[in-house]
Amino acid sequence: MKREVVEEALRKGHLDVVFSTPTLAAGVNFPIRTVVFDSFYRRWVSEWIAHSEFLNMSGRAGRLGLDDKGLSVLITGSRTEFIQAKNYLTLPAERISSKLFSKSIRKSVLNLISSGICNTEDSLNNFYASSFWWHQHLEHNPKKTEDVPPLVAEAVQWLIENKLLVEQSTRLVSTPLGTAISGSGLLPATGVSLINVLRLNNEKTEEGLLGIPLLHAICSSAEFDVSTKQRHLPFARRNQPETIAWKSVNQSNLLIPAMSSPIYDRVVNAAYGLDQWAKGISERKLRRDLPSISYGQFQTLASDVSWVIVGLSKIVTSADSGVDKAFGSSLLIYSNQIRYGVSVEALDIVVAAKSFSVPGFGRQRAMALAEVGLSDPNQLLKSSLAKIAKRVDSLDRAKGLVEAVGRYFEKINEYWKILHEGKAAEVGIKELIERSYSARGHEYEEVVEEMMKMFGWEVIQLDDGRRKGVPDFSISFGDKQALLECKTKQKDDATIDKDEAFDVFTKAVSFSDEHLITLGKPEFDTFSKVQANGSQKVTLVPHYAFAEAYILFLNKKISSEEAFEWLLIPGVANIDLLYQS
């Protein structure tokens, strides 16, 4: 989505300069004339960017069909860099070999069917016969091409047996679950195994799933199987799990047997280590308990597993996952815990700090603030810089952190505001969307009331200025009802805190047992989200999620009833669920 926003802004001429990471530079279709490399050495992995990467990134300039010429500029700061730059410009392009069939053919078959590119085995075979892989082997080893049809047939059969594809007359069609697994980026075998595990344990609470049980299942999946060559688990000493890891894993209520993986030693170490990592345990203790896993390996492992959890959250929200849809929101929060290596209490400040690149602020300093109760974003903004600096070892770092926390949540809001204003202009409601993002207090309630009535819901204003201590609105559609409270952040706050988020509970005490909704902006803090995900009675709805539902409704992508039922799903409103309607 971010890539689409950047590309659209460039096409419209709204951006003069784009500063990008190598990943963005290699992946976007920029209509731009000049690419400038201020550096081409990756200090964190001690190597130059590959010649092929340079050609790919420099190729963003002068895109075919978008511009008639392009310019690539390399800025060098030393003799060594000058020589490397000259090599980039003079060496011939590296020989390229197709990796199409070195990975999972099931994954590519599922992607081709779910995207609508192919819909029969014949069309799949025709697609592969037009691929680079096919023409390479046709030239050097034509016998190899005969292996493709049997592989395609086997992949199709597996996908049908696992209910990711169905046969409709002469066509192959992706099921909702198949489409979700395709969109997750995970191997089909990974998606199937993990969703089956969650189905079998659907009665367990989040506390019984998140942590070692889920991590162990993920690390045992095909994603980390040595035969798939997808992702790597660090080796274990003497091919045995560490004693403390083995004991802790065996004492957990696992979702699958402890030794189900052929590399169970690595799986056990990884599951235990990541569980400790997500709790913010210090590097020193991690190294003492798991000497075979370096800190750098923990960071790579955390990134990989976090990515798997995000993919799993998308699968959970699919129409036929068989898993509680609200669990998807919990998975997204947990994925960030794994990614950043901190407890829930410290998650907001470390994410904000990373977003604004606060120097020297990472998981350990975030946990140091959490230990003295300074991790709540609003509390942090109201604390003295001296008190913060004492825990983060620098006054400048404290200033940078406070600035980052103060700006981060508004940055999220601003991102969605720009996105929604563009969509709203297409259906003639740009002014209303602009007001919904800028309004505060009573004015925000008025805008929300106007939007809800356009959904066709029955809206009754309860807090009309004469009746105090009640929710703002009672809303209903058919026989479904809810009470809704609007919240906007206070002047000096970064987020809507837990007291504001759950104020609707107190205000609804004299009403019947209806579902409770808090709609607010710019965002709820993560602690409030976790609390909501554990509730069966309340839904927290960030304004940008509500605005997305509103625009989808106006574009006839969802119905009034679907939007209303989405608001009634307990926990944190998940935008992905809107696209499953």
Protein backbone atom coordinates (compact mmCIF):
# COMPACT_ATOMS: atom_id res chain seq x y z
CA MET A 1 0.00 0.00 0.00
CA LYS A 2 2.86 2.42 0.82
CA ARG A 3 4.46 1.63 -2.54
CA GLU A 4 1.19 2.48 -4.31
CA VAL A 5 0.98 5.83 -2.48
CA VAL A 6 4.55 6.75 -3.50
CA GLU A 7 4.03 5.71 -7.12
CA GLU A 8 0.73 7.60 -7.38
CA ALA A 9 2.26 10.76 -5.88
CA LEU A 10 5.15 10.59 -8.37
CA ARG A 11 2.82 10.09 -11.31
CA LYS A 12 0.86 13.18 -10.28
CA GLY A 13 4.06 15.22 -9.88
CA HIS A 14 3.58 15.75 -6.13
CA LEU A 15 7.11 14.57 -5.25
CA ASP A 16 10.40 15.99 -6.49
CA VAL A 17 12.72 13.69 -4.54
CA VAL A 18 12.26 10.22 -3.03
CA PHE A 19 14.71 8.86 -0.45
CA SER A 20 14.35 5.10 -0.41
CA THR A 21 15.76 1.89 0.98
CA PRO A 22 17.31 -0.66 -1.44
CA THR A 23 14.12 -2.74 -1.15
CA LEU A 24 11.88 0.13 -2.26
CA ALA A 25 14.34 1.24 -4.93
CA ALA A 26 14.38 -2.24 -6.48
CA GLY A 27 10.64 -2.80 -6.31
CA VAL A 28 8.77 0.33 -7.42
CA ASN A 29 7.90 1.46 -10.92
CA PHE A 30 9.14 5.03 -10.60
CA PRO A 31 8.45 7.51 -13.41
CA ILE A 32 11.69 9.29 -12.57
CA ARG A 33 14.73 10.44 -14.55
CA THR A 34 17.65 10.29 -12.13
CA VAL A 35 18.78 7.76 -9.53
CA VAL A 36 21.50 8.86 -7.10
CA PHE A 37 23.53 6.41 -4.97
CA ASP A 38 25.09 8.20 -2.01
CA SER A 39 26.49 4.86 -0.84
CA PHE A 40 26.69 1.32 -2.14
CA TYR A 41 28.39 -0.43 0.78
CA ARG A 42 26.32 -2.26 3.41
CA ARG A 43 28.24 -1.73 6.61
CA TRP A 44 25.98 -4.00 8.64
CA VAL A 45 26.85 -7.04 6.51
CA SER A 46 30.30 -5.88 5.33
CA GLU A 47 29.78 -6.15 1.60
CA TRP A 48 29.11 -4.10 -1.49
CA ILE A 49 25.69 -4.26 -3.09
CA ALA A 50 25.66 -6.82 -5.88
CA HIS A 51 26.19 -5.73 -9.47
CA SER A 52 22.72 -7.07 -10.34
CA GLU A 53 21.18 -5.00 -7.52
CA PHE A 54 22.90 -1.87 -8.81
CA LEU A 55 21.56 -2.49 -12.32
CA ASN A 56 18.07 -3.13 -10.94
CA MET A 57 18.00 0.01 -8.80
CA SER A 58 19.60 2.26 -11.41
CA GLY A 59 17.03 0.90 -13.85
CA ARG A 60 14.33 2.80 -11.96
CA ALA A 61 15.40 5.81 -14.04
CA GLY A 62 14.13 6.10 -17.59
CA ARG A 63 11.48 3.39 -17.27
CA LEU A 64 10.22 2.02 -20.58
CA GLY A 65 6.97 3.71 -21.49
CA LEU A 66 7.36 6.35 -18.76
CA ASP A 67 10.43 8.35 -19.83
CA ASP A 68 12.71 8.60 -22.84
CA LYS A 69 16.00 8.63 -20.91
CA GLY A 70 17.41 8.00 -17.43
CA LEU A 71 20.52 8.97 -15.50
CA SER A 72 22.32 7.03 -12.76
CA VAL A 73 24.77 8.89 -10.49
CA LEU A 74 27.19 7.26 -8.02
CA ILE A 75 28.76 9.50 -5.37
CA THR A 76 32.10 8.18 -4.13
CA GLY A 77 33.99 9.21 -1.02
CA SER A 78 37.23 7.27 -1.42
CA ARG A 79 39.53 5.63 -3.95
CA THR A 80 38.09 2.22 -3.03
CA GLU A 81 34.54 3.40 -3.67
CA PHE A 82 35.60 4.96 -6.98
CA ILE A 83 37.02 1.62 -8.16
CA GLN A 84 33.85 -0.20 -7.10
CA ALA A 85 31.69 2.39 -8.90
CA LYS A 86 33.75 1.93 -12.05
CA ASN A 87 33.23 -1.83 -11.82
CA TYR A 88 29.48 -1.33 -11.66
CA LEU A 89 29.60 0.71 -14.86
CA THR A 90 32.03 -1.42 -16.86
CA LEU A 91 31.55 -5.06 -15.85
CA PRO A 92 29.16 -7.13 -17.97
CA ALA A 93 25.87 -8.15 -16.41
CA GLU A 94 26.00 -11.32 -14.33
CA ARG A 95 24.56 -14.50 -15.81
CA ILE A 96 20.98 -14.97 -14.61
CA SER A 97 19.54 -18.38 -13.80
CA SER A 98 15.85 -18.97 -13.18
CA LYS A 99 14.93 -20.20 -9.68
CA LEU A 100 11.32 -20.93 -10.65
CA PHE A 101 11.41 -24.62 -9.76
CA SER A 102 14.03 -24.46 -7.02
CA LYS A 103 11.27 -23.30 -4.63
CA SER A 104 7.73 -24.53 -3.98
CA ILE A 105 5.80 -25.24 -7.19
CA ARG A 106 2.64 -25.48 -5.06
CA LYS A 107 3.13 -21.85 -4.11
CA SER A 108 3.44 -20.61 -7.70
CA VAL A 109 0.51 -22.79 -8.88
CA LEU A 110 -1.70 -21.43 -6.09
CA ASN A 111 -0.64 -17.86 -6.89
CA LEU A 112 -1.40 -18.31 -10.59
CA ILE A 113 -4.87 -19.74 -9.92
CA SER A 114 -5.87 -17.32 -7.14
CA SER A 115 -4.77 -14.31 -9.23
CA GLY A 116 -6.87 -15.51 -12.20
CA ILE A 117 -3.87 -15.79 -14.53
CA CYS A 118 -4.51 -19.52 -15.01
CA ASN A 119 -7.57 -21.71 -14.41
CA THR A 120 -6.68 -25.17 -15.77
CA GLU A 121 -3.71 -27.53 -15.73
CA ASP A 122 -3.21 -26.85 -19.44
CA SER A 123 -3.05 -23.09 -18.87
CA LEU A 124 -0.57 -23.66 -16.03
CA ASN A 125 1.63 -25.77 -18.29
CA ASN A 126 1.38 -23.15 -21.04
CA PHE A 127 2.39 -20.45 -18.57
CA TYR A 128 5.47 -22.39 -17.44
CA ALA A 129 6.31 -23.17 -21.08
CA SER A 130 6.59 -19.42 -21.72
CA SER A 131 8.82 -18.79 -18.68
CA PHE A 132 12.49 -17.91 -18.60
CA TRP A 133 13.19 -21.21 -16.80
CA TRP A 134 11.64 -23.17 -19.68
CA HIS A 135 13.62 -21.39 -22.39
CA GLN A 136 16.87 -21.77 -20.45
CA HIS A 137 16.37 -25.52 -20.17
CA LEU A 138 15.05 -25.81 -23.72
CA GLU A 139 18.43 -24.55 -24.85
CA HIS A 140 20.69 -26.46 -22.46
CA ASN A 141 18.70 -29.44 -21.13
CA PRO A 142 15.38 -29.90 -23.01
CA LYS A 143 14.72 -33.26 -21.31
CA LYS A 144 14.21 -31.35 -18.05
CA THR A 145 11.09 -29.64 -19.40
CA GLU A 146 9.30 -33.00 -19.45
CA ASP A 147 9.28 -32.94 -15.62
CA VAL A 148 6.98 -29.92 -15.48
CA PRO A 149 3.51 -31.36 -16.31
CA PRO A 150 3.76 -34.15 -13.68
CA LEU A 151 4.93 -31.61 -11.10
CA VAL A 152 2.02 -29.31 -11.94
CA ALA A 153 -0.47 -32.20 -11.72
CA GLU A 154 0.92 -33.25 -8.35
CA ALA A 155 0.78 -29.67 -7.02
CA VAL A 156 -2.81 -29.21 -8.20
CA GLN A 157 -3.88 -32.48 -6.57
CA TRP A 158 -2.26 -31.51 -3.25
CA LEU A 159 -3.93 -28.08 -3.31
CA ILE A 160 -7.33 -29.67 -4.00
CA GLU A 161 -6.89 -32.27 -1.25
CA ASN A 162 -6.04 -29.49 1.21
CA LYS A 163 -9.06 -27.41 0.13
CA LEU A 164 -7.08 -24.53 -1.32
CA LEU A 165 -8.41 -25.19 -4.82
CA VAL A 166 -11.71 -26.61 -6.06
CA GLU A 167 -12.74 -27.88 -9.46
CA GLN A 168 -15.73 -26.09 -10.97
CA SER A 169 -16.71 -27.76 -14.21
CA THR A 170 -13.47 -27.61 -16.23
CA ARG A 171 -11.93 -24.78 -14.24
CA LEU A 172 -9.74 -24.60 -11.16
CA VAL A 173 -10.81 -21.96 -8.63
CA SER A 174 -9.10 -20.82 -5.45
CA THR A 175 -11.08 -21.17 -2.22
CA PRO A 176 -11.20 -18.21 0.20
CA LEU A 177 -8.60 -20.03 2.31
CA GLY A 178 -6.45 -20.67 -0.76
CA THR A 179 -6.64 -17.00 -1.74
CA ALA A 180 -5.68 -15.96 1.80
CA ILE A 181 -2.68 -18.32 1.90
CA SER A 182 -1.62 -17.12 -1.54
CA GLY A 183 -1.79 -13.50 -0.35
CA SER A 184 0.08 -14.28 2.86
CA GLY A 185 3.33 -15.08 1.07
CA LEU A 186 3.71 -18.28 3.08
CA LEU A 187 4.29 -21.71 1.61
CA PRO A 188 0.96 -23.50 1.14
CA ALA A 189 2.21 -26.30 3.43
CA THR A 190 3.01 -23.71 6.12
CA GLY A 191 -0.39 -22.04 5.84
CA VAL A 192 -2.28 -25.34 5.90
CA SER A 193 -0.34 -26.78 8.86
CA LEU A 194 -0.64 -23.64 11.00
CA ILE A 195 -4.32 -23.02 10.32
CA ASN A 196 -5.09 -26.69 11.06
CA VAL A 197 -3.22 -26.41 14.35
CA LEU A 198 -5.23 -23.31 15.30
CA ARG A 199 -8.50 -25.02 14.32
CA LEU A 200 -7.71 -27.97 16.56
CA ASN A 201 -6.93 -25.59 19.43
CA ASN A 202 -9.71 -23.08 18.76
CA GLU A 203 -11.01 -23.39 22.31
CA LYS A 204 -7.75 -22.20 23.84
CA THR A 205 -7.37 -18.62 25.00
CA GLU A 206 -4.77 -16.29 23.52
CA GLU A 207 -2.58 -16.98 26.56
CA GLY A 208 -2.65 -20.66 25.64
CA LEU A 209 -1.68 -20.02 22.02
CA LEU A 210 0.72 -17.08 21.95
CA GLY A 211 4.25 -17.59 23.17
CA ILE A 212 6.13 -20.88 23.05
CA PRO A 213 3.18 -22.99 21.72
CA LEU A 214 2.73 -20.85 18.58
CA LEU A 215 6.45 -20.19 18.12
CA HIS A 216 7.21 -23.90 18.34
CA ALA A 217 4.53 -24.67 15.70
CA ILE A 218 5.87 -21.94 13.38
CA CYS A 219 9.50 -23.05 13.69
CA SER A 220 8.39 -26.66 13.04
CA SER A 221 6.56 -25.65 9.85
CA ALA A 222 7.67 -26.08 6.24
CA GLU A 223 8.84 -22.46 6.25
CA PHE A 224 11.91 -23.54 8.26
CA ASP A 225 12.28 -27.07 6.88
CA VAL A 226 15.82 -27.53 5.58
CA SER A 227 14.49 -29.21 2.42
CA THR A 228 12.49 -26.14 1.34
CA LYS A 229 15.49 -23.78 1.68
CA GLN A 230 13.09 -20.98 2.57
CA ARG A 231 14.33 -19.83 5.98
CA HIS A 232 17.03 -20.92 8.36
CA LEU A 233 17.02 -21.82 12.04
CA PRO A 234 20.34 -21.41 13.90
CA PHE A 235 22.22 -24.65 14.55
CA ALA A 236 22.12 -26.24 17.99
CA ARG A 237 25.28 -27.32 19.84
CA ARG A 238 25.95 -31.07 19.55
CA ASN A 239 22.60 -31.32 17.71
CA GLN A 240 20.83 -31.08 21.07
CA PRO A 241 18.52 -28.38 22.43
CA GLU A 242 19.85 -26.41 25.39
CA THR A 243 18.68 -27.85 28.72
CA ILE A 244 16.81 -24.72 29.79
CA ALA A 245 15.10 -24.49 26.40
CA TRP A 246 14.09 -28.16 26.38
CA LYS A 247 12.69 -27.92 29.91
CA SER A 248 10.73 -24.74 29.19
CA VAL A 249 9.29 -26.02 25.90
CA ASN A 250 8.24 -29.35 27.42
CA GLN A 251 6.50 -27.57 30.28
CA SER A 252 4.45 -25.56 27.80
CA ASN A 253 1.13 -26.80 26.50
CA LEU A 254 2.41 -27.34 22.95
CA LEU A 255 0.15 -27.40 19.90
CA ILE A 256 2.18 -30.17 18.23
CA PRO A 257 4.58 -32.80 19.68
CA ALA A 258 7.92 -31.40 20.83
CA MET A 259 9.95 -33.66 18.53
CA SER A 260 7.72 -33.55 15.45
CA SER A 261 10.36 -31.73 13.39
CA PRO A 262 13.48 -33.56 12.12
CA ILE A 263 15.44 -30.52 13.36
CA TYR A 264 13.62 -30.37 16.69
CA ASP A 265 16.83 -29.33 18.45
CA ARG A 266 16.94 -26.06 16.49
CA VAL A 267 13.16 -25.64 16.77
CA VAL A 268 13.20 -25.97 20.57
CA ASN A 269 16.06 -23.46 20.94
CA ALA A 270 14.41 -21.00 18.55
CA ALA A 271 10.96 -21.21 20.18
CA TYR A 272 12.35 -20.72 23.69
CA GLY A 273 14.75 -17.98 22.58
CA LEU A 274 12.11 -15.98 20.70
CA ASP A 275 9.73 -16.25 23.65
CA GLN A 276 12.41 -14.70 25.85
CA TRP A 277 13.26 -12.16 23.16
CA ALA A 278 9.62 -11.02 22.94
CA LYS A 279 9.58 -10.47 26.69
CA GLY A 280 12.52 -8.08 26.39
CA ILE A 281 15.03 -10.35 28.14
CA SER A 282 18.55 -8.90 27.97
CA GLU A 283 21.15 -9.88 25.40
CA ARG A 284 23.41 -11.14 28.19
CA LYS A 285 20.82 -13.62 29.46
CA LEU A 286 19.92 -14.73 25.93
CA ARG A 287 23.56 -15.47 25.18
CA ARG A 288 23.96 -17.33 28.49
CA ASP A 289 20.89 -19.52 27.95
CA LEU A 290 21.42 -20.04 24.21
CA PRO A 291 25.14 -19.68 23.41
CA SER A 292 24.65 -21.16 19.93
CA ILE A 293 22.45 -18.25 18.80
CA SER A 294 24.20 -14.92 18.30
CA TYR A 295 22.43 -11.60 18.77
CA GLY A 296 22.51 -11.02 15.03
CA GLN A 297 20.87 -14.42 14.46
CA PHE A 298 18.16 -13.49 16.96
CA GLN A 299 17.40 -10.36 14.94
CA THR A 300 17.19 -12.32 11.67
CA LEU A 301 15.11 -15.08 13.26
CA ALA A 302 12.77 -12.53 14.86
CA SER A 303 12.27 -10.82 11.49
CA ASP A 304 11.48 -14.14 9.77
CA VAL A 305 9.05 -15.37 12.43
CA SER A 306 7.37 -11.97 12.70
CA TRP A 307 6.77 -12.09 8.95
CA VAL A 308 5.23 -15.58 9.26
CA ILE A 309 2.90 -14.36 12.04
CA VAL A 310 1.72 -11.42 9.89
CA GLY A 311 0.99 -13.90 7.09
CA LEU A 312 -0.88 -16.15 9.51
CA SER A 313 -3.01 -13.19 10.67
CA LYS A 314 -4.16 -12.71 7.06
CA ILE A 315 -5.07 -16.39 6.78
CA VAL A 316 -7.03 -16.27 10.06
CA THR A 317 -9.23 -13.49 8.67
CA SER A 318 -10.21 -15.52 5.58
CA ALA A 319 -13.85 -16.51 5.23
CA ASP A 320 -13.31 -20.24 5.78
CA SER A 321 -10.34 -20.28 8.17
CA GLY A 322 -12.39 -21.86 10.96
CA VAL A 323 -10.57 -19.69 13.52
CA ASP A 324 -11.95 -16.81 15.58
CA LYS A 325 -11.51 -13.72 13.33
CA ALA A 326 -10.64 -11.50 16.30
CA PHE A 327 -7.48 -13.56 16.79
CA GLY A 328 -6.01 -11.85 13.72
CA SER A 329 -5.60 -8.58 15.63
CA SER A 330 -3.81 -10.36 18.48
CA LEU A 331 -1.44 -11.96 15.99
CA LEU A 332 -0.55 -8.57 14.50
CA ILE A 333 0.37 -7.19 17.91
CA TYR A 334 2.36 -10.32 18.74
CA SER A 335 4.21 -10.09 15.43
CA ASN A 336 5.47 -6.66 16.49
CA GLN A 337 6.55 -8.02 19.87
CA ILE A 338 8.61 -10.65 18.07
CA ARG A 339 9.97 -8.17 15.55
CA TYR A 340 11.13 -5.59 18.09
CA GLY A 341 11.88 -7.89 21.03
CA VAL A 342 9.97 -6.06 23.74
CA SER A 343 7.00 -6.64 26.01
CA VAL A 344 3.58 -5.18 25.20
CA GLU A 345 4.18 -2.30 27.63
CA ALA A 346 7.25 -1.08 25.70
CA LEU A 347 6.00 -1.75 22.19
CA ASP A 348 4.60 1.70 21.35
CA ILE A 349 7.72 3.64 22.24
CA VAL A 350 10.16 1.31 20.49
CA VAL A 351 8.06 1.29 17.31
CA ALA A 352 7.89 5.10 17.38
CA ALA A 353 11.64 5.36 17.99
CA LYS A 354 12.44 2.99 15.12
CA SER A 355 10.08 4.88 12.82
CA PHE A 356 11.99 8.11 13.39
CA SER A 357 15.44 6.48 13.74
CA VAL A 358 16.16 7.71 17.26
CA PRO A 359 19.91 7.03 17.62
CA GLY A 360 20.87 4.34 20.12
CA PHE A 361 17.34 3.54 21.22
CA GLY A 362 16.48 -0.13 20.99
CA ARG A 363 14.83 -2.93 22.87
CA GLN A 364 16.96 -2.76 26.02
CA ARG A 365 16.49 0.96 26.58
CA ALA A 366 12.77 0.55 25.86
CA MET A 367 12.60 -2.14 28.54
CA ALA A 368 14.58 0.08 30.92
CA LEU A 369 11.85 2.71 30.58
CA ALA A 370 9.13 0.08 31.03
CA GLU A 371 10.73 -1.06 34.30
CA VAL A 372 10.15 2.39 35.84
CA GLY A 373 6.70 2.92 34.31
CA LEU A 374 7.79 5.30 31.55
CA SER A 375 6.70 3.25 28.54
CA ASP A 376 3.15 4.57 28.21
CA PRO A 377 3.30 7.11 25.33
CA ASN A 378 1.19 9.74 27.08
CA GLN A 379 3.04 9.40 30.36
CA LEU A 380 6.36 9.65 28.54
CA LEU A 381 5.37 12.95 26.92
CA LYS A 382 4.47 14.41 30.33
CA SER A 383 7.65 13.22 32.09
CA SER A 384 10.74 15.36 32.57
CA LEU A 385 13.54 14.97 30.05
CA ALA A 386 16.00 14.50 32.89
CA LYS A 387 14.08 11.50 34.21
CA ILE A 388 13.93 9.92 30.75
CA ALA A 389 17.57 10.71 30.01
CA LYS A 390 18.62 8.89 33.17
CA ARG A 391 17.18 5.65 31.77
CA VAL A 392 18.29 6.09 28.14
CA ASP A 393 21.79 7.41 28.94
CA SER A 394 21.56 10.63 26.94
CA LEU A 395 19.62 13.89 27.02
CA ASP A 396 19.70 14.16 23.23
CA ARG A 397 18.37 10.60 22.95
CA ALA A 398 15.59 11.46 25.41
CA LYS A 399 14.65 14.52 23.34
CA GLY A 400 14.64 12.44 20.15
CA LEU A 401 12.45 9.79 21.77
CA VAL A 402 9.89 12.29 23.06
CA GLU A 403 9.71 13.95 19.65
CA ALA A 404 9.29 10.57 17.92
CA VAL A 405 6.51 9.44 20.25
CA GLY A 406 4.77 12.79 19.88
CA ARG A 407 4.80 12.56 16.09
CA TYR A 408 4.44 8.84 15.37
CA PHE A 409 0.71 8.32 15.89
CA GLU A 410 -0.18 11.49 14.01
CA LYS A 411 2.07 10.20 11.22
CA ILE A 412 -0.11 7.08 10.95
CA ASN A 413 -3.20 9.26 10.84
CA GLU A 414 -1.67 11.52 8.20
CA TYR A 415 -0.78 8.55 6.02
CA TRP A 416 -4.37 7.27 6.04
CA LYS A 417 -5.74 10.79 5.63
CA ILE A 418 -3.81 11.29 2.37
CA LEU A 419 -4.85 7.86 1.13
CA HIS A 420 -8.52 8.36 1.98
CA GLU A 421 -8.72 11.90 0.61
CA GLY A 422 -7.65 10.55 -2.78
CA LYS A 423 -10.29 7.81 -2.68
CA ALA A 424 -12.94 10.18 -1.32
CA ALA A 425 -12.42 12.63 -4.17
CA GLU A 426 -13.45 9.91 -6.62
CA VAL A 427 -16.87 9.56 -4.97
CA GLY A 428 -17.38 13.25 -4.14
CA ILE A 429 -16.94 13.16 -0.34
CA LYS A 430 -13.44 14.62 0.04
CA GLU A 431 -14.65 17.52 2.22
CA LEU A 432 -16.40 15.14 4.63
CA ILE A 433 -13.32 12.89 4.93
CA GLU A 434 -11.09 15.92 5.51
CA ARG A 435 -13.40 17.09 8.31
CA SER A 436 -13.48 13.61 9.84
CA TYR A 437 -9.69 13.62 10.17
CA SER A 438 -9.35 17.21 11.42
CA ALA A 439 -12.37 17.40 13.77
CA ARG A 440 -11.97 17.06 17.53
CA GLY A 441 -14.38 16.67 20.43
CA HIS A 442 -18.05 17.47 19.77
CA GLU A 443 -17.32 18.38 16.13
CA TYR A 444 -15.91 14.87 15.59
CA GLU A 445 -19.11 13.35 16.99
CA GLU A 446 -21.16 15.37 14.49
CA VAL A 447 -19.08 14.13 11.53
CA VAL A 448 -19.27 10.52 12.75
CA GLU A 449 -23.06 10.80 13.13
CA GLU A 450 -23.33 12.04 9.55
CA MET A 451 -21.20 9.16 8.26
CA MET A 452 -23.13 6.53 10.23
CA LYS A 453 -26.47 7.77 8.91
CA MET A 454 -25.16 7.48 5.36
CA PHE A 455 -24.59 3.77 6.09
CA GLY A 456 -28.34 3.55 6.60
CA TRP A 457 -28.07 2.62 10.28
CA GLU A 458 -30.50 3.90 12.87
CA VAL A 459 -28.54 6.43 14.94
CA ILE A 460 -29.80 7.86 18.23
CA GLN A 461 -27.76 10.54 19.99
CA LEU A 462 -27.70 9.73 23.70
CA ASP A 463 -25.24 12.35 24.93
CA ASP A 464 -27.13 15.44 23.77
CA GLY A 465 -25.74 17.82 26.38
CA ARG A 466 -28.65 17.29 28.76
CA ARG A 467 -27.98 13.68 29.64
CA LYS A 468 -24.52 13.19 31.17
CA GLY A 469 -22.46 10.06 31.72
CA VAL A 470 -23.90 8.09 28.80
CA PRO A 471 -22.34 6.85 25.52
CA ASP A 472 -22.50 9.25 22.59
CA PHE A 473 -24.73 7.09 20.38
CA SER A 474 -26.97 4.07 20.22
CA ILE A 475 -26.75 2.51 16.76
CA SER A 476 -28.69 -0.36 15.24
CA PHE A 477 -29.20 -2.23 12.00
CA GLY A 478 -31.98 -4.80 11.82
CA ASP A 479 -32.01 -6.67 15.11
CA LYS A 480 -28.36 -5.84 15.95
CA GLN A 481 -27.55 -3.00 18.33
CA ALA A 482 -24.50 -1.34 19.88
CA LEU A 483 -23.48 1.64 21.98
CA LEU A 484 -20.77 3.85 20.52
CA GLU A 485 -18.45 6.36 22.18
CA CYS A 486 -16.26 8.80 20.20
CA LYS A 487 -12.82 9.75 21.51
CA THR A 488 -10.15 12.11 20.27
CA LYS A 489 -6.82 12.51 22.02
CA GLN A 490 -6.25 15.22 24.59
CA LYS A 491 -3.99 18.16 23.73
CA ASP A 492 -0.73 16.83 25.21
CA ASP A 493 -1.35 13.12 24.56
CA ALA A 494 0.01 10.89 21.82
CA THR A 495 -2.73 8.24 21.93
CA ILE A 496 -6.12 7.42 23.35
CA ASP A 497 -5.15 5.69 26.58
CA LYS A 498 -6.85 2.78 28.32
CA ASP A 499 -9.07 4.98 30.51
CA GLU A 500 -10.47 6.76 27.47
CA ALA A 501 -10.66 3.56 25.40
CA PHE A 502 -12.81 1.77 27.97
CA ASP A 503 -14.78 4.77 29.26
CA VAL A 504 -17.70 3.34 27.30
CA PHE A 505 -17.96 0.51 29.89
CA THR A 506 -18.72 2.99 32.68
CA LYS A 507 -21.11 5.03 30.57
CA ALA A 508 -23.05 1.96 29.43
CA VAL A 509 -23.66 0.56 32.93
CA SER A 510 -27.34 1.57 32.99
CA PHE A 511 -28.09 0.17 29.53
CA SER A 512 -29.01 -3.34 28.40
CA ASP A 513 -26.33 -5.86 27.52
CA GLU A 514 -25.39 -4.38 24.15
CA HIS A 515 -22.06 -4.49 22.35
CA LEU A 516 -19.75 -1.55 23.11
CA ILE A 517 -17.68 0.36 20.58
CA THR A 518 -15.08 3.08 21.05
CA LEU A 519 -14.26 4.98 17.86
CA GLY A 520 -11.25 7.25 18.10
CA LYS A 521 -8.19 8.91 16.67
CA PRO A 522 -5.35 9.08 16.09
CA GLU A 523 -4.76 5.65 17.67
CA PHE A 524 -5.26 3.52 20.77
CA ASP A 525 -2.18 2.47 22.71
CA THR A 526 -1.11 -1.16 22.34
CA PHE A 527 -1.93 -2.03 25.95
CA SER A 528 -5.56 -1.00 25.32
CA LYS A 529 -5.62 -3.09 22.16
CA VAL A 530 -4.42 -6.16 24.03
CA GLN A 531 -7.10 -5.63 26.67
CA ALA A 532 -9.77 -5.27 23.98
CA ASN A 533 -8.62 -8.43 22.21
CA GLY A 534 -9.26 -10.32 25.43
CA SER A 535 -12.82 -9.01 25.66
CA GLN A 536 -16.01 -10.36 24.12
CA LYS A 537 -17.97 -7.15 24.64
CA VAL A 538 -15.95 -4.23 23.27
CA THR A 539 -14.48 -3.20 19.92
CA LEU A 540 -11.85 -0.48 19.54
CA VAL A 541 -12.09 1.17 16.11
CA PRO A 542 -9.32 3.55 14.99
CA HIS A 543 -10.81 6.31 12.86
CA TYR A 544 -8.79 5.34 9.78
CA ALA A 545 -10.34 1.85 9.91
CA PHE A 546 -13.84 3.34 10.13
CA ALA A 547 -13.05 5.68 7.21
CA GLU A 548 -11.85 2.71 5.14
CA ALA A 549 -15.13 0.88 5.83
CA TYR A 550 -17.07 4.02 4.88
CA ILE A 551 -15.28 4.42 1.53
CA LEU A 552 -15.66 0.72 0.74
CA PHE A 553 -19.39 1.05 1.43
CA LEU A 554 -19.75 4.07 -0.86
CA ASN A 555 -17.90 2.14 -3.58
CA LYS A 556 -20.35 -0.75 -3.08
CA LYS A 557 -17.55 -3.11 -2.00
CA ILE A 558 -19.35 -3.89 1.28
CA SER A 559 -22.95 -3.57 2.41
CA SER A 560 -24.42 -1.65 5.36
CA GLU A 561 -24.99 -4.94 7.17
CA GLU A 562 -21.43 -6.16 6.55
CA ALA A 563 -19.99 -2.88 7.86
CA PHE A 564 -22.20 -3.05 10.97
CA GLU A 565 -21.30 -6.68 11.68
CA TRP A 566 -17.62 -5.78 11.27
CA LEU A 567 -18.00 -3.22 14.09
CA LEU A 568 -19.45 -5.94 16.32
CA ILE A 569 -16.39 -8.23 16.08
CA PRO A 570 -14.76 -7.98 19.55
CA GLY A 571 -11.21 -6.72 19.91
CA VAL A 572 -9.50 -4.23 17.61
CA ALA A 573 -11.22 -3.54 14.29
CA ASN A 574 -9.20 -5.35 11.62
CA ILE A 575 -9.26 -3.76 8.16
CA ASP A 576 -8.34 -7.09 6.54
CA LEU A 577 -11.76 -8.45 7.59
CA LEU A 578 -13.47 -5.81 5.44
CA TYR A 579 -11.98 -7.40 2.36
CA GLN A 580 -13.31 -10.81 3.33
CA SER A 581 -16.92 -9.61 3.09
